Amino acid sequence: MVNQPTVSDKPALFILLDGTWPEARKMFRKSPYLDNIPVLSINTKARTDYLLRTPSREEQHCTAEVAATLLELAGDTIASEQLFSHFNLFRNKYLEGKPHHPLAQMLKAAQSV
């Protein structure tokens, strides 16, 4: 008899569809190989710090935020915190290069306090 690994013996595997929400929805609907894979919904109250675009619905988050939240749910809080930290650094550096972006001025003012 061959020992089959249980689900808990394997590291978590997540498939993230990266794109705008309409693009991701279309990819999901047009990908029949995803039909039998469980779908995980993250807490809609999860923090969102993206700020570069305004989501059309409250439960929409950017890919990095979803990935960090999934890592946290999987118990890898260190990786989750690191991803959120890198994401925040990226966002701030991006906004530094966009001085006319409305949020760039707000972040700059907040950092100088």
C-alpha atoms as a PDB file:
ATOM      1  CA  MET A   1       0.000   0.000   0.000  1.00  0.00           C
ATOM      2  CA  VAL A   2       1.374   3.394  -1.012  1.00  0.00           C
ATOM      3  CA  ASN A   3       1.011   6.224   1.473  1.00  0.00           C
ATOM      4  CA  GLN A   4      -0.774   9.101  -0.185  1.00  0.00           C
ATOM      5  CA  PRO A   5       0.026  12.525   1.287  1.00  0.00           C
ATOM      6  CA  THR A   6      -2.906  14.241   2.893  1.00  0.00           C
ATOM      7  CA  VAL A   7      -3.870  17.757   1.937  1.00  0.00           C
ATOM      8  CA  SER A   8      -2.320  19.050   5.164  1.00  0.00           C
ATOM      9  CA  ASP A   9       1.060  17.473   4.232  1.00  0.00           C
ATOM     10  CA  LYS A  10       1.341  19.695   1.187  1.00  0.00           C
ATOM     11  CA  PRO A  11       2.117  23.393   1.140  1.00  0.00           C
ATOM     12  CA  ALA A  12      -0.791  25.596   0.222  1.00  0.00           C
ATOM     13  CA  LEU A  13      -1.150  26.360  -3.478  1.00  0.00           C
ATOM     14  CA  PHE A  14      -3.058  29.432  -4.610  1.00  0.00           C
ATOM     15  CA  ILE A  15      -3.910  30.499  -8.140  1.00  0.00           C
ATOM     16  CA  LEU A  16      -4.274  34.272  -8.462  1.00  0.00           C
ATOM     17  CA  LEU A  17      -5.732  35.768 -11.599  1.00  0.00           C
ATOM     18  CA  ASP A  18      -3.874  39.014 -12.137  1.00  0.00           C
ATOM     19  CA  GLY A  19      -5.677  41.697 -14.069  1.00  0.00           C
ATOM     20  CA  THR A  20      -8.463  44.162 -13.718  1.00  0.00           C
ATOM     21  CA  TRP A  21     -11.568  42.753 -12.058  1.00  0.00           C
ATOM     22  CA  PRO A  22     -13.434  42.445 -15.384  1.00  0.00           C
ATOM     23  CA  GLU A  23     -10.369  40.747 -16.962  1.00  0.00           C
ATOM     24  CA  ALA A  24      -9.995  38.324 -14.043  1.00  0.00           C
ATOM     25  CA  ARG A  25     -13.701  37.486 -14.123  1.00  0.00           C
ATOM     26  CA  LYS A  26     -13.438  36.778 -17.855  1.00  0.00           C
ATOM     27  CA  MET A  27     -10.313  34.607 -17.371  1.00  0.00           C
ATOM     28  CA  PHE A  28     -12.091  32.640 -14.652  1.00  0.00           C
ATOM     29  CA  ARG A  29     -15.215  32.050 -16.756  1.00  0.00           C
ATOM     30  CA  LYS A  30     -13.226  31.064 -19.862  1.00  0.00           C
ATOM     31  CA  SER A  31     -10.882  28.648 -18.033  1.00  0.00           C
ATOM     32  CA  PRO A  32     -12.695  25.320 -17.641  1.00  0.00           C
ATOM     33  CA  TYR A  33      -9.684  23.780 -15.874  1.00  0.00           C
ATOM     34  CA  LEU A  34     -10.504  26.073 -12.914  1.00  0.00           C
ATOM     35  CA  ASP A  35     -14.054  24.718 -12.596  1.00  0.00           C
ATOM     36  CA  ASN A  36     -13.208  22.021 -10.017  1.00  0.00           C
ATOM     37  CA  ILE A  37     -10.769  24.075  -7.956  1.00  0.00           C
ATOM     38  CA  PRO A  38     -12.144  25.470  -4.702  1.00  0.00           C
ATOM     39  CA  VAL A  39     -12.580  29.239  -4.607  1.00  0.00           C
ATOM     40  CA  LEU A  40     -11.549  31.106  -1.496  1.00  0.00           C
ATOM     41  CA  SER A  41     -13.148  34.417  -0.622  1.00  0.00           C
ATOM     42  CA  ILE A  42     -11.085  36.733   1.519  1.00  0.00           C
ATOM     43  CA  ASN A  43     -12.583  38.927   4.199  1.00  0.00           C
ATOM     44  CA  THR A  44     -14.099  41.941   2.446  1.00  0.00           C
ATOM     45  CA  LYS A  45     -12.959  44.051   5.392  1.00  0.00           C
ATOM     46  CA  ALA A  46      -9.316  43.289   4.572  1.00  0.00           C
ATOM     47  CA  ARG A  47      -7.245  46.400   4.489  1.00  0.00           C
ATOM     48  CA  THR A  48      -6.720  48.095   1.166  1.00  0.00           C
ATOM     49  CA  ASP A  49      -3.883  50.544   0.792  1.00  0.00           C
ATOM     50  CA  TYR A  50      -3.494  50.480  -2.978  1.00  0.00           C
ATOM     51  CA  LEU A  51      -4.523  54.096  -3.533  1.00  0.00           C
ATOM     52  CA  LEU A  52      -3.331  54.189  -7.158  1.00  0.00           C
ATOM     53  CA  ARG A  53      -6.780  53.405  -8.519  1.00  0.00           C
ATOM     54  CA  THR A  54     -10.152  53.485  -6.882  1.00  0.00           C
ATOM     55  CA  PRO A  55     -11.923  50.114  -6.934  1.00  0.00           C
ATOM     56  CA  SER A  56     -15.462  50.132  -8.258  1.00  0.00           C
ATOM     57  CA  ARG A  57     -16.564  47.938  -5.322  1.00  0.00           C
ATOM     58  CA  GLU A  58     -15.381  47.807  -1.715  1.00  0.00           C
ATOM     59  CA  GLU A  59     -14.377  44.134  -1.857  1.00  0.00           C
ATOM     60  CA  GLN A  60     -11.954  44.644  -4.731  1.00  0.00           C
ATOM     61  CA  HIS A  61      -8.272  44.592  -3.843  1.00  0.00           C
ATOM     62  CA  CYS A  62      -5.072  44.610  -5.852  1.00  0.00           C
ATOM     63  CA  THR A  63      -3.242  41.332  -6.482  1.00  0.00           C
ATOM     64  CA  ALA A  64      -0.468  42.026  -3.943  1.00  0.00           C
ATOM     65  CA  GLU A  65      -3.017  42.671  -1.190  1.00  0.00           C
ATOM     66  CA  VAL A  66      -4.859  39.454  -1.999  1.00  0.00           C
ATOM     67  CA  ALA A  67      -1.595  37.467  -2.057  1.00  0.00           C
ATOM     68  CA  ALA A  68      -0.490  38.908   1.299  1.00  0.00           C
ATOM     69  CA  THR A  69      -3.895  38.155   2.807  1.00  0.00           C
ATOM     70  CA  LEU A  70      -3.767  34.566   1.494  1.00  0.00           C
ATOM     71  CA  LEU A  71      -0.309  34.102   3.010  1.00  0.00           C
ATOM     72  CA  GLU A  72      -1.672  35.327   6.329  1.00  0.00           C
ATOM     73  CA  LEU A  73      -4.657  32.958   6.111  1.00  0.00           C
ATOM     74  CA  ALA A  74      -2.254  30.104   5.324  1.00  0.00           C
ATOM     75  CA  GLY A  75      -0.361  30.874   8.526  1.00  0.00           C
ATOM     76  CA  ASP A  76       2.719  32.466   6.972  1.00  0.00           C
ATOM     77  CA  THR A  77       2.470  35.784   8.773  1.00  0.00           C
ATOM     78  CA  ILE A  78       6.114  36.676   8.201  1.00  0.00           C
ATOM     79  CA  ALA A  79       5.777  36.373   4.412  1.00  0.00           C
ATOM     80  CA  SER A  80       2.457  38.233   4.573  1.00  0.00           C
ATOM     81  CA  GLU A  81       3.968  41.131   6.523  1.00  0.00           C
ATOM     82  CA  GLN A  82       6.978  41.238   4.196  1.00  0.00           C
ATOM     83  CA  LEU A  83       4.775  41.340   1.109  1.00  0.00           C
ATOM     84  CA  PHE A  84       2.612  44.122   2.589  1.00  0.00           C
ATOM     85  CA  SER A  85       5.805  46.006   3.501  1.00  0.00           C
ATOM     86  CA  HIS A  86       7.295  45.664  -0.010  1.00  0.00           C
ATOM     87  CA  PHE A  87       3.964  46.586  -1.523  1.00  0.00           C
ATOM     88  CA  ASN A  88       3.750  49.762   0.581  1.00  0.00           C
ATOM     89  CA  LEU A  89       7.322  50.660  -0.394  1.00  0.00           C
ATOM     90  CA  PHE A  90       6.461  50.136  -4.080  1.00  0.00           C
ATOM     91  CA  ARG A  91       3.334  52.263  -3.792  1.00  0.00           C
ATOM     92  CA  ASN A  92       5.165  55.103  -2.071  1.00  0.00           C
ATOM     93  CA  LYS A  93       8.053  55.055  -4.570  1.00  0.00           C
ATOM     94  CA  TYR A  94       5.585  54.963  -7.451  1.00  0.00           C
ATOM     95  CA  LEU A  95       3.736  57.958  -6.084  1.00  0.00           C
ATOM     96  CA  GLU A  96       7.031  59.834  -5.566  1.00  0.00           C
ATOM     97  CA  GLY A  97       7.500  59.594  -9.332  1.00  0.00           C
ATOM     98  CA  LYS A  98       3.991  60.920  -9.946  1.00  0.00           C
ATOM     99  CA  PRO A  99       4.035  64.310  -8.180  1.00  0.00           C
ATOM    100  CA  HIS A 100       0.760  65.355  -9.837  1.00  0.00           C
ATOM    101  CA  HIS A 101      -1.132  62.306  -8.590  1.00  0.00           C
ATOM    102  CA  PRO A 102      -3.633  63.586  -5.979  1.00  0.00           C
ATOM    103  CA  LEU A 103      -2.503  61.067  -3.392  1.00  0.00           C
ATOM    104  CA  ALA A 104       1.203  61.790  -3.895  1.00  0.00           C
ATOM    105  CA  GLN A 105       0.803  65.219  -2.325  1.00  0.00           C
ATOM    106  CA  MET A 106      -1.233  63.782   0.557  1.00  0.00           C
ATOM    107  CA  LEU A 107       1.386  61.094   1.295  1.00  0.00           C
ATOM    108  CA  LYS A 108       4.209  63.592   1.059  1.00  0.00           C
ATOM    109  CA  ALA A 109       2.463  65.874   3.573  1.00  0.00           C
ATOM    110  CA  ALA A 110       1.851  62.935   5.930  1.00  0.00           C
ATOM    111  CA  GLN A 111       5.518  61.866   5.781  1.00  0.00           C
ATOM    112  CA  SER A 112       6.776  65.347   6.664  1.00  0.00           C
ATOM    113  CA  VAL A 113       4.761  65.434   9.905  1.00  0.00           C
END
